[in-house]
Amino acid sequence: MAQSGDQLWNPVSKTCIIFISTAEESAGKELVVDWIVDPGKRLVAAAHLHPGPQGAVAETLEVLAGVAGCRIGRETLRGAAAARVGSALQCCACASLE
């Protein structure tokens, strides 16, 4: 089970996940990670749905540097540093655009 401060390096996608807060540490309320993506690389995530009552489970992505794109359902969003993208439904794919 991951703990705050744990890091996972994916040599295939060349991405790094740093666990900030885990579900176990927050009594199941949240999972917070920093997901480091090099320019031109992408996060590979299968289309998924967060179950639960409407609005009870949300996924939020915050771009800290550079520009990123994210597809939520059929909508493609683009955000520069400090942009926030949120959805209670799904996030299909994200990529670093710079």
Protein backbone atom coordinates (compact mmCIF):
# COMPACT_ATOMS: atom_id res chain seq x y z
CA MET A 1 0.00 0.00 0.00
CA ALA A 2 1.37 3.39 -0.98
CA GLN A 3 2.20 5.98 1.67
CA SER A 4 2.80 9.73 1.46
CA GLY A 5 6.19 10.39 -0.09
CA ASP A 6 6.33 7.13 -2.05
CA GLN A 7 7.40 7.54 -5.68
CA LEU A 8 6.69 5.30 -8.64
CA TRP A 9 8.72 5.64 -11.86
CA ASN A 10 7.30 4.18 -15.06
CA PRO A 11 10.23 3.48 -17.40
CA VAL A 12 7.90 2.88 -20.37
CA SER A 13 5.90 6.12 -20.21
CA LYS A 14 8.74 8.02 -18.49
CA THR A 15 6.32 9.43 -15.92
CA CYS A 16 6.64 9.65 -12.15
CA ILE A 17 3.92 9.56 -9.50
CA ILE A 18 4.62 11.00 -6.04
CA PHE A 19 1.99 10.19 -3.42
CA ILE A 20 1.03 13.27 -1.42
CA SER A 21 -1.96 11.87 0.51
CA THR A 22 -3.39 8.36 0.29
CA ALA A 23 -6.92 7.03 0.74
CA GLU A 24 -5.77 5.11 3.80
CA GLU A 25 -4.33 8.27 5.39
CA SER A 26 -7.50 10.30 4.67
CA ALA A 27 -10.03 7.64 5.76
CA GLY A 28 -10.96 7.05 2.11
CA LYS A 29 -11.71 10.71 1.34
CA GLU A 30 -8.98 11.41 -1.19
CA LEU A 31 -5.95 10.29 -3.11
CA VAL A 32 -3.59 13.15 -3.97
CA VAL A 33 -0.60 12.57 -6.24
CA ASP A 34 1.86 14.68 -8.15
CA TRP A 35 2.12 13.12 -11.60
CA ILE A 36 5.27 14.32 -13.34
CA VAL A 37 5.08 14.19 -17.14
CA ASP A 38 7.95 15.30 -19.39
CA PRO A 39 7.18 17.58 -22.36
CA GLY A 40 5.67 15.64 -25.24
CA LYS A 41 4.80 12.63 -23.06
CA ARG A 42 1.34 11.56 -21.94
CA LEU A 43 -0.48 9.92 -19.09
CA VAL A 44 -2.02 6.72 -20.28
CA ALA A 45 -5.35 6.19 -18.56
CA ALA A 46 -8.17 4.03 -19.79
CA ALA A 47 -11.55 5.72 -19.94
CA HIS A 48 -13.05 5.32 -16.51
CA LEU A 49 -15.99 6.32 -14.37
CA HIS A 50 -15.91 7.39 -10.74
CA PRO A 51 -18.90 5.66 -9.09
CA GLY A 52 -20.98 7.09 -6.30
CA PRO A 53 -23.68 9.70 -5.89
CA GLN A 54 -23.58 12.60 -8.34
CA GLY A 55 -20.73 14.90 -7.40
CA ALA A 56 -19.52 12.63 -4.58
CA VAL A 57 -16.37 11.54 -6.39
CA ALA A 58 -14.39 13.99 -8.50
CA GLU A 59 -11.11 14.00 -10.35
CA THR A 60 -9.21 17.27 -10.57
CA LEU A 61 -6.06 17.91 -12.57
CA GLU A 62 -3.98 21.00 -11.94
CA VAL A 63 -1.30 22.06 -14.43
CA LEU A 64 1.66 23.40 -12.46
CA ALA A 65 4.00 24.15 -15.36
CA GLY A 66 3.79 24.12 -19.15
CA VAL A 67 0.62 23.31 -21.08
CA ALA A 68 -1.47 20.15 -20.89
CA GLY A 69 -4.48 18.78 -22.69
CA CYS A 70 -7.13 16.54 -21.22
CA ARG A 71 -10.08 14.74 -22.77
CA ILE A 72 -13.13 14.42 -20.55
CA GLY A 73 -15.81 12.43 -22.29
CA ARG A 74 -15.93 13.89 -25.79
CA GLU A 75 -14.65 17.31 -24.76
CA THR A 76 -10.96 18.20 -25.12
CA LEU A 77 -9.62 20.83 -22.75
CA ARG A 78 -6.31 22.66 -22.85
CA GLY A 79 -4.79 24.38 -19.85
CA ALA A 80 -1.65 26.36 -19.13
CA ALA A 81 0.16 26.51 -15.78
CA ALA A 82 -2.20 27.04 -12.84
CA ALA A 83 -5.22 25.77 -14.83
CA ARG A 84 -7.59 23.35 -13.12
CA VAL A 85 -9.71 20.76 -14.87
CA GLY A 86 -12.30 18.83 -12.91
CA SER A 87 -14.91 16.20 -13.58
CA ALA A 88 -17.15 14.00 -11.50
CA LEU A 89 -17.48 11.65 -14.45
CA GLN A 90 -14.34 10.63 -16.29
CA CYS A 91 -10.95 11.60 -17.57
CA CYS A 92 -9.78 9.64 -20.57
CA ALA A 93 -6.37 10.92 -21.53
CA CYS A 94 -3.96 13.69 -20.62
CA ALA A 95 -0.83 14.84 -22.40
CA SER A 96 1.91 17.41 -21.95
CA LEU A 97 1.71 19.75 -24.95
CA GLU A 98 5.02 21.57 -24.46
